[in-house]
Amino acid sequence: MHDAGIGVGIHYKIPVHLHGAFDFMNHLRGSFPNSEKSADDMLSLPLYPGITEAQQSQVVEILRAAR
């Protein structure tokens, strides 16, 4: 995506139960496998009020080509 000039990010790379603030709960990796898989696989795509239809189409085309 970056090579195509499309900015993407990962906003939730650490599941909530693995953040240091929740250490007192003693949850380890594997405690919430669905949450962990989502954090491992999630990608934040460009989304903002001014994105044009042409830009949206470009994002879709690049994603399809990446499969």
PDB file of N, CA and C in Angstrom:
ATOM      1  N   MET A   1       0.833  -1.184   0.000  1.00  0.00           N
ATOM      2  CA  MET A   1       0.000   0.000   0.000  1.00  0.00           C
ATOM      3  C   MET A   1       0.882   1.253   0.000  1.00  0.00           C
ATOM      4  N   HIS A   2       1.938   1.218   0.819  1.00  0.00           N
ATOM      5  CA  HIS A   2       2.815   2.390   0.887  1.00  0.00           C
ATOM      6  C   HIS A   2       3.504   2.628  -0.451  1.00  0.00           C
ATOM      7  N   ASP A   3       3.890   1.533  -1.141  1.00  0.00           N
ATOM      8  CA  ASP A   3       4.540   1.669  -2.448  1.00  0.00           C
ATOM      9  C   ASP A   3       3.624   2.348  -3.459  1.00  0.00           C
ATOM     10  N   ALA A   4       2.313   2.184  -3.279  1.00  0.00           N
ATOM     11  CA  ALA A   4       1.337   2.792  -4.177  1.00  0.00           C
ATOM     12  C   ALA A   4       0.951   4.201  -3.721  1.00  0.00           C
ATOM     13  N   GLY A   5       1.567   4.675  -2.640  1.00  0.00           N
ATOM     14  CA  GLY A   5       1.260   6.016  -2.155  1.00  0.00           C
ATOM     15  C   GLY A   5       0.000   6.096  -1.318  1.00  0.00           C
ATOM     16  N   ILE A   6      -0.437   4.954  -0.806  1.00  0.00           N
ATOM     17  CA  ILE A   6      -1.648   4.911   0.005  1.00  0.00           C
ATOM     18  C   ILE A   6      -1.242   4.727   1.461  1.00  0.00           C
ATOM     19  N   GLY A   7      -1.600   5.681   2.284  1.00  0.00           N
ATOM     20  CA  GLY A   7      -1.266   5.604   3.693  1.00  0.00           C
ATOM     21  C   GLY A   7      -2.185   4.658   4.434  1.00  0.00           C
ATOM     22  N   VAL A   8      -1.599   3.739   5.145  1.00  0.00           N
ATOM     23  CA  VAL A   8      -2.357   2.817   5.989  1.00  0.00           C
ATOM     24  C   VAL A   8      -1.682   2.796   7.353  1.00  0.00           C
ATOM     25  N   GLY A   9      -2.342   2.259   8.304  1.00  0.00           N
ATOM     26  CA  GLY A   9      -1.763   2.181   9.639  1.00  0.00           C
ATOM     27  C   GLY A   9      -2.312   1.002  10.406  1.00  0.00           C
ATOM     28  N   ILE A  10      -1.736   0.792  11.546  1.00  0.00           N
ATOM     29  CA  ILE A  10      -2.216  -0.232  12.472  1.00  0.00           C
ATOM     30  C   ILE A  10      -2.483   0.512  13.776  1.00  0.00           C
ATOM     31  N   HIS A  11      -3.740   0.662  14.115  1.00  0.00           N
ATOM     32  CA  HIS A  11      -4.099   1.480  15.273  1.00  0.00           C
ATOM     33  C   HIS A  11      -4.260   0.689  16.562  1.00  0.00           C
ATOM     34  N   TYR A  12      -4.494  -0.595  16.458  1.00  0.00           N
ATOM     35  CA  TYR A  12      -4.721  -1.402  17.662  1.00  0.00           C
ATOM     36  C   TYR A  12      -3.851  -2.653  17.596  1.00  0.00           C
ATOM     37  N   LYS A  13      -2.513  -2.459  17.564  1.00  0.00           N
ATOM     38  CA  LYS A  13      -1.641  -3.615  17.401  1.00  0.00           C
ATOM     39  C   LYS A  13      -1.493  -4.441  18.663  1.00  0.00           C
ATOM     40  N   ILE A  14      -1.867  -3.905  19.812  1.00  0.00           N
ATOM     41  CA  ILE A  14      -1.823  -4.671  21.060  1.00  0.00           C
ATOM     42  C   ILE A  14      -3.251  -4.785  21.597  1.00  0.00           C
ATOM     43  N   PRO A  15      -3.749  -6.016  21.753  1.00  0.00           N
ATOM     44  CA  PRO A  15      -5.097  -6.176  22.312  1.00  0.00           C
ATOM     45  C   PRO A  15      -5.172  -5.563  23.720  1.00  0.00           C
ATOM     46  N   VAL A  16      -6.312  -5.062  24.086  1.00  0.00           N
ATOM     47  CA  VAL A  16      -6.490  -4.353  25.355  1.00  0.00           C
ATOM     48  C   VAL A  16      -6.021  -5.194  26.546  1.00  0.00           C
ATOM     49  N   HIS A  17      -6.351  -6.479  26.551  1.00  0.00           N
ATOM     50  CA  HIS A  17      -6.008  -7.301  27.714  1.00  0.00           C
ATOM     51  C   HIS A  17      -4.501  -7.521  27.877  1.00  0.00           C
ATOM     52  N   LEU A  18      -3.700  -7.165  26.868  1.00  0.00           N
ATOM     53  CA  LEU A  18      -2.251  -7.323  26.954  1.00  0.00           C
ATOM     54  C   LEU A  18      -1.521  -6.001  27.229  1.00  0.00           C
ATOM     55  N   HIS A  19      -2.264  -4.913  27.366  1.00  0.00           N
ATOM     56  CA  HIS A  19      -1.659  -3.633  27.729  1.00  0.00           C
ATOM     57  C   HIS A  19      -1.231  -3.665  29.195  1.00  0.00           C
ATOM     58  N   GLY A  20      -0.138  -2.984  29.476  1.00  0.00           N
ATOM     59  CA  GLY A  20       0.399  -2.961  30.827  1.00  0.00           C
ATOM     60  C   GLY A  20      -0.584  -2.516  31.889  1.00  0.00           C
ATOM     61  N   ALA A  21      -1.499  -1.640  31.529  1.00  0.00           N
ATOM     62  CA  ALA A  21      -2.478  -1.143  32.498  1.00  0.00           C
ATOM     63  C   ALA A  21      -3.366  -2.258  33.045  1.00  0.00           C
ATOM     64  N   PHE A  22      -3.415  -3.372  32.325  1.00  0.00           N
ATOM     65  CA  PHE A  22      -4.279  -4.479  32.743  1.00  0.00           C
ATOM     66  C   PHE A  22      -3.491  -5.681  33.239  1.00  0.00           C
ATOM     67  N   ASP A  23      -2.208  -5.492  33.530  1.00  0.00           N
ATOM     68  CA  ASP A  23      -1.381  -6.588  34.048  1.00  0.00           C
ATOM     69  C   ASP A  23      -1.976  -7.219  35.306  1.00  0.00           C
ATOM     70  N   PHE A  24      -2.627  -6.403  36.125  1.00  0.00           N
ATOM     71  CA  PHE A  24      -3.198  -6.901  37.378  1.00  0.00           C
ATOM     72  C   PHE A  24      -4.251  -7.982  37.148  1.00  0.00           C
ATOM     73  N   MET A  25      -4.776  -8.073  35.908  1.00  0.00           N
ATOM     74  CA  MET A  25      -5.804  -9.073  35.612  1.00  0.00           C
ATOM     75  C   MET A  25      -5.202 -10.428  35.234  1.00  0.00           C
ATOM     76  N   ASN A  26      -3.878 -10.459  35.055  1.00  0.00           N
ATOM     77  CA  ASN A  26      -3.158 -11.706  34.764  1.00  0.00           C
ATOM     78  C   ASN A  26      -3.606 -12.413  33.490  1.00  0.00           C
ATOM     79  N   HIS A  27      -4.033 -11.669  32.490  1.00  0.00           N
ATOM     80  CA  HIS A  27      -4.380 -12.266  31.204  1.00  0.00           C
ATOM     81  C   HIS A  27      -3.108 -12.398  30.379  1.00  0.00           C
ATOM     82  N   LEU A  28      -2.883 -13.569  29.843  1.00  0.00           N
ATOM     83  CA  LEU A  28      -1.712 -13.834  29.018  1.00  0.00           C
ATOM     84  C   LEU A  28      -2.117 -13.950  27.564  1.00  0.00           C
ATOM     85  N   ARG A  29      -1.121 -13.942  26.674  1.00  0.00           N
ATOM     86  CA  ARG A  29      -1.408 -14.193  25.257  1.00  0.00           C
ATOM     87  C   ARG A  29      -2.090 -15.544  25.179  1.00  0.00           C
ATOM     88  N   GLY A  30      -3.170 -15.593  24.439  1.00  0.00           N
ATOM     89  CA  GLY A  30      -3.972 -16.809  24.336  1.00  0.00           C
ATOM     90  C   GLY A  30      -5.250 -16.737  25.148  1.00  0.00           C
ATOM     91  N   SER A  31      -5.338 -15.766  26.050  1.00  0.00           N
ATOM     92  CA  SER A  31      -6.543 -15.628  26.882  1.00  0.00           C
ATOM     93  C   SER A  31      -7.762 -15.234  26.058  1.00  0.00           C
ATOM     94  N   PHE A  32      -7.532 -14.393  25.042  1.00  0.00           N
ATOM     95  CA  PHE A  32      -8.624 -13.925  24.177  1.00  0.00           C
ATOM     96  C   PHE A  32      -8.161 -14.064  22.728  1.00  0.00           C
ATOM     97  N   PRO A  33      -8.184 -15.283  22.181  1.00  0.00           N
ATOM     98  CA  PRO A  33      -7.620 -15.527  20.852  1.00  0.00           C
ATOM     99  C   PRO A  33      -8.272 -14.731  19.723  1.00  0.00           C
ATOM    100  N   ASN A  34      -9.554 -14.485  19.805  1.00  0.00           N
ATOM    101  CA  ASN A  34     -10.209 -13.714  18.736  1.00  0.00           C
ATOM    102  C   ASN A  34      -9.725 -12.269  18.731  1.00  0.00           C
ATOM    103  N   SER A  35      -9.599 -11.690  19.905  1.00  0.00           N
ATOM    104  CA  SER A  35      -9.090 -10.325  20.018  1.00  0.00           C
ATOM    105  C   SER A  35      -7.649 -10.255  19.515  1.00  0.00           C
ATOM    106  N   GLU A  36      -6.849 -11.239  19.858  1.00  0.00           N
ATOM    107  CA  GLU A  36      -5.448 -11.257  19.442  1.00  0.00           C
ATOM    108  C   GLU A  36      -5.316 -11.427  17.935  1.00  0.00           C
ATOM    109  N   LYS A  37      -6.135 -12.299  17.356  1.00  0.00           N
ATOM    110  CA  LYS A  37      -6.086 -12.492  15.898  1.00  0.00           C
ATOM    111  C   LYS A  37      -6.500 -11.210  15.190  1.00  0.00           C
ATOM    112  N   SER A  38      -7.538 -10.551  15.694  1.00  0.00           N
ATOM    113  CA  SER A  38      -7.970  -9.293  15.089  1.00  0.00           C
ATOM    114  C   SER A  38      -6.857  -8.252  15.144  1.00  0.00           C
ATOM    115  N   ALA A  39      -6.178  -8.156  16.274  1.00  0.00           N
ATOM    116  CA  ALA A  39      -5.089  -7.187  16.410  1.00  0.00           C
ATOM    117  C   ALA A  39      -3.948  -7.516  15.451  1.00  0.00           C
ATOM    118  N   ASP A  40      -3.686  -8.799  15.247  1.00  0.00           N
ATOM    119  CA  ASP A  40      -2.613  -9.219  14.345  1.00  0.00           C
ATOM    120  C   ASP A  40      -2.942  -8.965  12.877  1.00  0.00           C
ATOM    121  N   ASP A  41      -4.222  -9.016  12.533  1.00  0.00           N
ATOM    122  CA  ASP A  41      -4.644  -8.965  11.126  1.00  0.00           C
ATOM    123  C   ASP A  41      -5.230  -7.631  10.678  1.00  0.00           C
ATOM    124  N   MET A  42      -5.584  -6.760  11.610  1.00  0.00           N
ATOM    125  CA  MET A  42      -6.313  -5.543  11.275  1.00  0.00           C
ATOM    126  C   MET A  42      -5.427  -4.496  10.594  1.00  0.00           C
ATOM    127  N   LEU A  43      -5.985  -3.841   9.619  1.00  0.00           N
ATOM    128  CA  LEU A  43      -5.300  -2.780   8.891  1.00  0.00           C
ATOM    129  C   LEU A  43      -6.250  -1.599   8.770  1.00  0.00           C
ATOM    130  N   SER A  44      -5.785  -0.426   9.105  1.00  0.00           N
ATOM    131  CA  SER A  44      -6.612   0.773   8.997  1.00  0.00           C
ATOM    132  C   SER A  44      -6.384   1.420   7.639  1.00  0.00           C
ATOM    133  N   LEU A  45      -7.449   1.544   6.882  1.00  0.00           N
ATOM    134  CA  LEU A  45      -7.399   2.129   5.544  1.00  0.00           C
ATOM    135  C   LEU A  45      -7.727   3.612   5.595  1.00  0.00           C
ATOM    136  N   PRO A  46      -7.336   4.344   4.557  1.00  0.00           N
ATOM    137  CA  PRO A  46      -7.663   5.769   4.533  1.00  0.00           C
ATOM    138  C   PRO A  46      -9.184   5.982   4.524  1.00  0.00           C
ATOM    139  N   LEU A  47      -9.622   6.820   5.414  1.00  0.00           N
ATOM    140  CA  LEU A  47     -11.049   7.129   5.509  1.00  0.00           C
ATOM    141  C   LEU A  47     -11.161   8.537   6.073  1.00  0.00           C
ATOM    142  N   TYR A  48     -11.631   9.437   5.249  1.00  0.00           N
ATOM    143  CA  TYR A  48     -11.783  10.820   5.680  1.00  0.00           C
ATOM    144  C   TYR A  48     -12.820  11.490   4.787  1.00  0.00           C
ATOM    145  N   PRO A  49     -13.436  12.565   5.241  1.00  0.00           N
ATOM    146  CA  PRO A  49     -14.532  13.188   4.499  1.00  0.00           C
ATOM    147  C   PRO A  49     -14.186  13.608   3.075  1.00  0.00           C
ATOM    148  N   GLY A  50     -12.935  13.987   2.811  1.00  0.00           N
ATOM    149  CA  GLY A  50     -12.588  14.486   1.485  1.00  0.00           C
ATOM    150  C   GLY A  50     -12.094  13.439   0.502  1.00  0.00           C
ATOM    151  N   ILE A  51     -12.116  12.169   0.862  1.00  0.00           N
ATOM    152  CA  ILE A  51     -11.625  11.145  -0.064  1.00  0.00           C
ATOM    153  C   ILE A  51     -12.572  11.062  -1.264  1.00  0.00           C
ATOM    154  N   THR A  52     -11.981  11.091  -2.448  1.00  0.00           N
ATOM    155  CA  THR A  52     -12.804  11.084  -3.662  1.00  0.00           C
ATOM    156  C   THR A  52     -13.146   9.647  -4.066  1.00  0.00           C
ATOM    157  N   GLU A  53     -14.115   9.517  -4.956  1.00  0.00           N
ATOM    158  CA  GLU A  53     -14.467   8.187  -5.455  1.00  0.00           C
ATOM    159  C   GLU A  53     -13.294   7.563  -6.194  1.00  0.00           C
ATOM    160  N   ALA A  54     -12.533   8.377  -6.915  1.00  0.00           N
ATOM    161  CA  ALA A  54     -11.356   7.867  -7.635  1.00  0.00           C
ATOM    162  C   ALA A  54     -10.323   7.332  -6.648  1.00  0.00           C
ATOM    163  N   GLN A  55     -10.123   8.022  -5.544  1.00  0.00           N
ATOM    164  CA  GLN A  55      -9.178   7.554  -4.525  1.00  0.00           C
ATOM    165  C   GLN A  55      -9.680   6.271  -3.866  1.00  0.00           C
ATOM    166  N   GLN A  56     -10.967   6.201  -3.618  1.00  0.00           N
ATOM    167  CA  GLN A  56     -11.552   4.985  -3.050  1.00  0.00           C
ATOM    168  C   GLN A  56     -11.339   3.810  -3.997  1.00  0.00           C
ATOM    169  N   SER A  57     -11.564   4.043  -5.271  1.00  0.00           N
ATOM    170  CA  SER A  57     -11.374   2.994  -6.273  1.00  0.00           C
ATOM    171  C   SER A  57      -9.918   2.535  -6.324  1.00  0.00           C
ATOM    172  N   GLN A  58      -9.002   3.482  -6.196  1.00  0.00           N
ATOM    173  CA  GLN A  58      -7.580   3.130  -6.206  1.00  0.00           C
ATOM    174  C   GLN A  58      -7.242   2.235  -5.009  1.00  0.00           C
ATOM    175  N   VAL A  59      -7.762   2.555  -3.835  1.00  0.00           N
ATOM    176  CA  VAL A  59      -7.523   1.732  -2.645  1.00  0.00           C
ATOM    177  C   VAL A  59      -8.052   0.323  -2.891  1.00  0.00           C
ATOM    178  N   VAL A  60      -9.252   0.216  -3.426  1.00  0.00           N
ATOM    179  CA  VAL A  60      -9.848  -1.098  -3.689  1.00  0.00           C
ATOM    180  C   VAL A  60      -9.007  -1.880  -4.689  1.00  0.00           C
ATOM    181  N   GLU A  61      -8.566  -1.230  -5.758  1.00  0.00           N
ATOM    182  CA  GLU A  61      -7.751  -1.908  -6.771  1.00  0.00           C
ATOM    183  C   GLU A  61      -6.447  -2.433  -6.186  1.00  0.00           C
ATOM    184  N   ILE A  62      -5.789  -1.635  -5.381  1.00  0.00           N
ATOM    185  CA  ILE A  62      -4.527  -2.046  -4.773  1.00  0.00           C
ATOM    186  C   ILE A  62      -4.746  -3.202  -3.804  1.00  0.00           C
ATOM    187  N   LEU A  63      -5.818  -3.136  -3.033  1.00  0.00           N
ATOM    188  CA  LEU A  63      -6.132  -4.248  -2.110  1.00  0.00           C
ATOM    189  C   LEU A  63      -6.412  -5.529  -2.868  1.00  0.00           C
ATOM    190  N   ARG A  64      -7.186  -5.441  -3.929  1.00  0.00           N
ATOM    191  CA  ARG A  64      -7.469  -6.646  -4.733  1.00  0.00           C
ATOM    192  C   ARG A  64      -6.212  -7.239  -5.329  1.00  0.00           C
ATOM    193  N   ALA A  65      -5.311  -6.385  -5.780  1.00  0.00           N
ATOM    194  CA  ALA A  65      -4.069  -6.860  -6.380  1.00  0.00           C
ATOM    195  C   ALA A  65      -3.149  -7.508  -5.344  1.00  0.00           C
ATOM    196  N   ALA A  66      -3.310  -7.133  -4.089  1.00  0.00           N
ATOM    197  CA  ALA A  66      -2.445  -7.665  -3.020  1.00  0.00           C
ATOM    198  C   ALA A  66      -2.847  -9.058  -2.569  1.00  0.00           C
ATOM    199  N   ARG A  67      -4.006  -9.519  -2.957  1.00  0.00           N
ATOM    200  CA  ARG A  67      -4.470 -10.831  -2.507  1.00  0.00           C
ATOM    201  C   ARG A  67      -3.579 -11.901  -2.946  1.00  0.00           C
TER     202      ARG A  67
END
